[in-house]
Amino acid sequence: MKLVKINEDNCVYCHLCEVACKTEHSVSKDIIKAVKKENVLSRCTVEFNYPYSASIMCRHCDDAPCIFACQNGSMHRDERGYVVVNTQTCVGCWMCIMVCPYGVIKQGKNDDWGLSIKCDLCPDRSIPACVEACPNEALTFEEL
């Protein structure tokens, strides 16, 4: 199974991964509208702890505590084996947010308000938007 590999030595805290994620998950697919008008929530977050920075996103854990904590099965593995959330059935209890060891599941806003939002590895793309946008190969998509 391919996952995003993080190389913190190459990350320069540019936040392009966040911008690419917001754009990919926006309705318009337009960078300006996604960031300024649609106010889309990024599924990854760049964290800085001098001298390192890194983009943090769902690790699609083998034992995925978020799946076990989900009361109605909205958090589940898809046909690719990735942990995903069905926003149509999510009731917004946020148990998954509370148990995530990486703190990468977020509370949705705007149209997704109250729902759990997390990295879905861009299922309509061969390479996640964050990986494609990274200019320094701090993020790569590979078999792990």
C-alpha atoms as a PDB file:
ATOM      1  CA  MET A   1       0.000   0.000   0.000  1.00  0.00           C
ATOM      2  CA  LYS A   2       1.343   3.420  -0.948  1.00  0.00           C
ATOM      3  CA  LEU A   3       1.467   6.139   1.696  1.00  0.00           C
ATOM      4  CA  VAL A   4       2.887   9.634   1.975  1.00  0.00           C
ATOM      5  CA  LYS A   5       6.420   9.491   3.330  1.00  0.00           C
ATOM      6  CA  ILE A   6       7.571  12.587   5.206  1.00  0.00           C
ATOM      7  CA  ASN A   7      11.192  13.751   4.962  1.00  0.00           C
ATOM      8  CA  GLU A   8      11.463  16.541   7.511  1.00  0.00           C
ATOM      9  CA  ASP A   9      15.026  17.363   6.416  1.00  0.00           C
ATOM     10  CA  ASN A  10      13.672  18.639   3.083  1.00  0.00           C
ATOM     11  CA  CYS A  11      10.697  20.623   4.403  1.00  0.00           C
ATOM     12  CA  VAL A  12      11.174  24.410   4.262  1.00  0.00           C
ATOM     13  CA  TYR A  13       7.854  25.378   5.896  1.00  0.00           C
ATOM     14  CA  CYS A  14       6.418  26.771   2.653  1.00  0.00           C
ATOM     15  CA  HIS A  15       2.869  25.441   3.254  1.00  0.00           C
ATOM     16  CA  LEU A  16       2.402  24.582  -0.438  1.00  0.00           C
ATOM     17  CA  CYS A  17       1.096  21.162   0.613  1.00  0.00           C
ATOM     18  CA  GLU A  18      -1.674  22.841   2.602  1.00  0.00           C
ATOM     19  CA  VAL A  19      -2.594  25.138  -0.296  1.00  0.00           C
ATOM     20  CA  ALA A  20      -2.642  22.203  -2.742  1.00  0.00           C
ATOM     21  CA  CYS A  21      -4.844  20.192  -0.374  1.00  0.00           C
ATOM     22  CA  LYS A  22      -7.293  23.067   0.050  1.00  0.00           C
ATOM     23  CA  THR A  23      -7.460  23.567  -3.706  1.00  0.00           C
ATOM     24  CA  GLU A  24      -7.953  19.853  -4.428  1.00  0.00           C
ATOM     25  CA  HIS A  25     -10.799  19.577  -1.905  1.00  0.00           C
ATOM     26  CA  SER A  26     -12.513  22.796  -2.989  1.00  0.00           C
ATOM     27  CA  VAL A  27     -15.597  22.994  -5.161  1.00  0.00           C
ATOM     28  CA  SER A  28     -14.001  25.427  -7.614  1.00  0.00           C
ATOM     29  CA  LYS A  29     -10.514  23.825  -7.818  1.00  0.00           C
ATOM     30  CA  ASP A  30      -9.279  27.429  -7.996  1.00  0.00           C
ATOM     31  CA  ILE A  31      -6.454  28.323  -5.614  1.00  0.00           C
ATOM     32  CA  ILE A  32      -7.685  31.833  -4.762  1.00  0.00           C
ATOM     33  CA  LYS A  33     -11.318  30.826  -4.306  1.00  0.00           C
ATOM     34  CA  ALA A  34     -10.356  27.747  -2.273  1.00  0.00           C
ATOM     35  CA  VAL A  35      -8.258  29.722   0.198  1.00  0.00           C
ATOM     36  CA  LYS A  36     -10.084  33.061   0.380  1.00  0.00           C
ATOM     37  CA  LYS A  37     -13.738  32.450  -0.499  1.00  0.00           C
ATOM     38  CA  GLU A  38     -14.535  28.792   0.075  1.00  0.00           C
ATOM     39  CA  ASN A  39     -12.312  28.691   3.167  1.00  0.00           C
ATOM     40  CA  VAL A  40     -11.579  24.978   2.675  1.00  0.00           C
ATOM     41  CA  LEU A  41      -9.957  23.076   5.521  1.00  0.00           C
ATOM     42  CA  SER A  42      -6.590  21.505   4.667  1.00  0.00           C
ATOM     43  CA  ARG A  43      -6.281  17.816   5.490  1.00  0.00           C
ATOM     44  CA  CYS A  44      -2.566  18.272   6.244  1.00  0.00           C
ATOM     45  CA  THR A  45      -0.869  20.725   8.589  1.00  0.00           C
ATOM     46  CA  VAL A  46       2.711  21.957   8.474  1.00  0.00           C
ATOM     47  CA  GLU A  47       4.214  21.945  11.940  1.00  0.00           C
ATOM     48  CA  PHE A  48       7.410  23.727  12.903  1.00  0.00           C
ATOM     49  CA  ASN A  49       9.756  22.788  15.727  1.00  0.00           C
ATOM     50  CA  TYR A  50      13.104  24.459  15.172  1.00  0.00           C
ATOM     51  CA  PRO A  51      15.151  23.406  13.282  1.00  0.00           C
ATOM     52  CA  TYR A  52      12.651  21.027  11.646  1.00  0.00           C
ATOM     53  CA  SER A  53       9.301  21.400   9.973  1.00  0.00           C
ATOM     54  CA  ALA A  54       7.070  18.741   8.464  1.00  0.00           C
ATOM     55  CA  SER A  55       3.658  18.290   6.930  1.00  0.00           C
ATOM     56  CA  ILE A  56       1.547  16.099   9.181  1.00  0.00           C
ATOM     57  CA  MET A  57      -1.420  14.115   7.872  1.00  0.00           C
ATOM     58  CA  CYS A  58      -3.274  10.864   8.500  1.00  0.00           C
ATOM     59  CA  ARG A  59      -0.927   7.883   8.674  1.00  0.00           C
ATOM     60  CA  HIS A  60      -3.710   5.378   7.840  1.00  0.00           C
ATOM     61  CA  CYS A  61      -2.689   3.277  10.867  1.00  0.00           C
ATOM     62  CA  ASP A  62      -2.813  -0.510  10.675  1.00  0.00           C
ATOM     63  CA  ASP A  63      -4.715  -0.632  13.978  1.00  0.00           C
ATOM     64  CA  ALA A  64      -6.551   2.699  13.297  1.00  0.00           C
ATOM     65  CA  PRO A  65      -8.065   3.678  16.672  1.00  0.00           C
ATOM     66  CA  CYS A  66     -10.388   6.095  14.851  1.00  0.00           C
ATOM     67  CA  ILE A  67     -12.147   3.173  13.150  1.00  0.00           C
ATOM     68  CA  PHE A  68     -12.732   1.413  16.463  1.00  0.00           C
ATOM     69  CA  ALA A  69     -13.935   4.633  18.124  1.00  0.00           C
ATOM     70  CA  CYS A  70     -16.439   5.484  15.380  1.00  0.00           C
ATOM     71  CA  GLN A  71     -19.893   4.665  16.713  1.00  0.00           C
ATOM     72  CA  ASN A  72     -21.662   4.107  13.410  1.00  0.00           C
ATOM     73  CA  GLY A  73     -18.955   2.899  11.036  1.00  0.00           C
ATOM     74  CA  SER A  74     -18.486   6.175   9.176  1.00  0.00           C
ATOM     75  CA  MET A  75     -14.737   5.877   9.688  1.00  0.00           C
ATOM     76  CA  HIS A  76     -13.686   2.786   7.763  1.00  0.00           C
ATOM     77  CA  ARG A  77     -11.187   1.348   5.291  1.00  0.00           C
ATOM     78  CA  ASP A  78     -11.967   1.829   1.629  1.00  0.00           C
ATOM     79  CA  GLU A  79     -11.307  -0.662  -1.164  1.00  0.00           C
ATOM     80  CA  ARG A  80      -7.704   0.605  -1.384  1.00  0.00           C
ATOM     81  CA  GLY A  81      -7.114  -0.115   2.307  1.00  0.00           C
ATOM     82  CA  TYR A  82      -6.971   3.550   3.348  1.00  0.00           C
ATOM     83  CA  VAL A  83      -8.814   4.925   6.369  1.00  0.00           C
ATOM     84  CA  VAL A  84     -11.576   7.255   5.159  1.00  0.00           C
ATOM     85  CA  VAL A  85     -14.641   8.951   6.613  1.00  0.00           C
ATOM     86  CA  ASN A  86     -18.075   8.789   5.028  1.00  0.00           C
ATOM     87  CA  THR A  87     -19.322  12.347   5.525  1.00  0.00           C
ATOM     88  CA  GLN A  88     -22.848  11.262   4.556  1.00  0.00           C
ATOM     89  CA  THR A  89     -23.147   9.088   7.674  1.00  0.00           C
ATOM     90  CA  CYS A  90     -20.818  10.901  10.115  1.00  0.00           C
ATOM     91  CA  VAL A  91     -22.825  12.202  13.082  1.00  0.00           C
ATOM     92  CA  GLY A  92     -20.119  14.536  14.382  1.00  0.00           C
ATOM     93  CA  CYS A  93     -19.488  12.804  17.705  1.00  0.00           C
ATOM     94  CA  TRP A  94     -15.748  13.448  17.197  1.00  0.00           C
ATOM     95  CA  MET A  95     -14.659  10.303  19.009  1.00  0.00           C
ATOM     96  CA  CYS A  96     -12.211   9.731  16.138  1.00  0.00           C
ATOM     97  CA  ILE A  97     -10.672  13.155  16.794  1.00  0.00           C
ATOM     98  CA  MET A  98     -10.201  12.308  20.458  1.00  0.00           C
ATOM     99  CA  VAL A  99      -8.434   8.990  19.852  1.00  0.00           C
ATOM    100  CA  CYS A 100      -6.229   9.882  16.869  1.00  0.00           C
ATOM    101  CA  PRO A 101      -2.615   9.475  18.078  1.00  0.00           C
ATOM    102  CA  TYR A 102      -1.392  12.042  15.530  1.00  0.00           C
ATOM    103  CA  GLY A 103      -4.089  14.672  16.052  1.00  0.00           C
ATOM    104  CA  VAL A 104      -4.762  14.889  12.320  1.00  0.00           C
ATOM    105  CA  ILE A 105      -8.534  14.414  12.189  1.00  0.00           C
ATOM    106  CA  LYS A 106     -10.230  17.808  12.230  1.00  0.00           C
ATOM    107  CA  GLN A 107     -13.681  19.233  12.800  1.00  0.00           C
ATOM    108  CA  GLY A 108     -15.133  20.341   9.494  1.00  0.00           C
ATOM    109  CA  LYS A 109     -16.342  23.850   8.827  1.00  0.00           C
ATOM    110  CA  ASN A 110     -18.635  25.513   6.300  1.00  0.00           C
ATOM    111  CA  ASP A 111     -20.580  22.796   4.433  1.00  0.00           C
ATOM    112  CA  ASP A 112     -18.762  20.108   6.440  1.00  0.00           C
ATOM    113  CA  TRP A 113     -19.417  21.794   9.782  1.00  0.00           C
ATOM    114  CA  GLY A 114     -19.554  19.317  12.626  1.00  0.00           C
ATOM    115  CA  LEU A 115     -18.215  16.405  10.588  1.00  0.00           C
ATOM    116  CA  SER A 116     -14.844  14.728  10.888  1.00  0.00           C
ATOM    117  CA  ILE A 117     -12.421  15.650   8.109  1.00  0.00           C
ATOM    118  CA  LYS A 118      -9.126  13.887   7.377  1.00  0.00           C
ATOM    119  CA  CYS A 119      -6.660  13.069   4.626  1.00  0.00           C
ATOM    120  CA  ASP A 120      -8.157  10.789   1.989  1.00  0.00           C
ATOM    121  CA  LEU A 121      -4.994  10.635  -0.150  1.00  0.00           C
ATOM    122  CA  CYS A 122      -6.884  12.295  -3.016  1.00  0.00           C
ATOM    123  CA  PRO A 123      -8.707   9.238  -4.388  1.00  0.00           C
ATOM    124  CA  ASP A 124      -9.319  10.846  -7.793  1.00  0.00           C
ATOM    125  CA  ARG A 125      -5.601  11.390  -8.364  1.00  0.00           C
ATOM    126  CA  SER A 126      -2.671   9.031  -8.911  1.00  0.00           C
ATOM    127  CA  ILE A 127      -0.488  11.153  -6.597  1.00  0.00           C
ATOM    128  CA  PRO A 128      -1.921  13.176  -3.682  1.00  0.00           C
ATOM    129  CA  ALA A 129      -2.035  16.932  -4.313  1.00  0.00           C
ATOM    130  CA  CYS A 130       0.252  17.672  -1.354  1.00  0.00           C
ATOM    131  CA  VAL A 131       2.978  15.391  -2.721  1.00  0.00           C
ATOM    132  CA  GLU A 132       2.737  16.822  -6.220  1.00  0.00           C
ATOM    133  CA  ALA A 133       2.963  20.394  -4.889  1.00  0.00           C
ATOM    134  CA  CYS A 134       6.012  19.848  -2.669  1.00  0.00           C
ATOM    135  CA  PRO A 135       8.994  21.502  -4.406  1.00  0.00           C
ATOM    136  CA  ASN A 136      11.660  19.808  -2.263  1.00  0.00           C
ATOM    137  CA  GLU A 137      10.439  16.205  -2.116  1.00  0.00           C
ATOM    138  CA  ALA A 138       9.740  16.553   1.581  1.00  0.00           C
ATOM    139  CA  LEU A 139       6.652  14.485   0.738  1.00  0.00           C
ATOM    140  CA  THR A 140       6.810  11.420  -1.481  1.00  0.00           C
ATOM    141  CA  PHE A 141       4.156   8.823  -2.295  1.00  0.00           C
ATOM    142  CA  GLU A 142       5.616   5.343  -2.065  1.00  0.00           C
ATOM    143  CA  GLU A 143       5.185   1.796  -0.854  1.00  0.00           C
ATOM    144  CA  LEU A 144       5.867   1.674   2.879  1.00  0.00           C
END
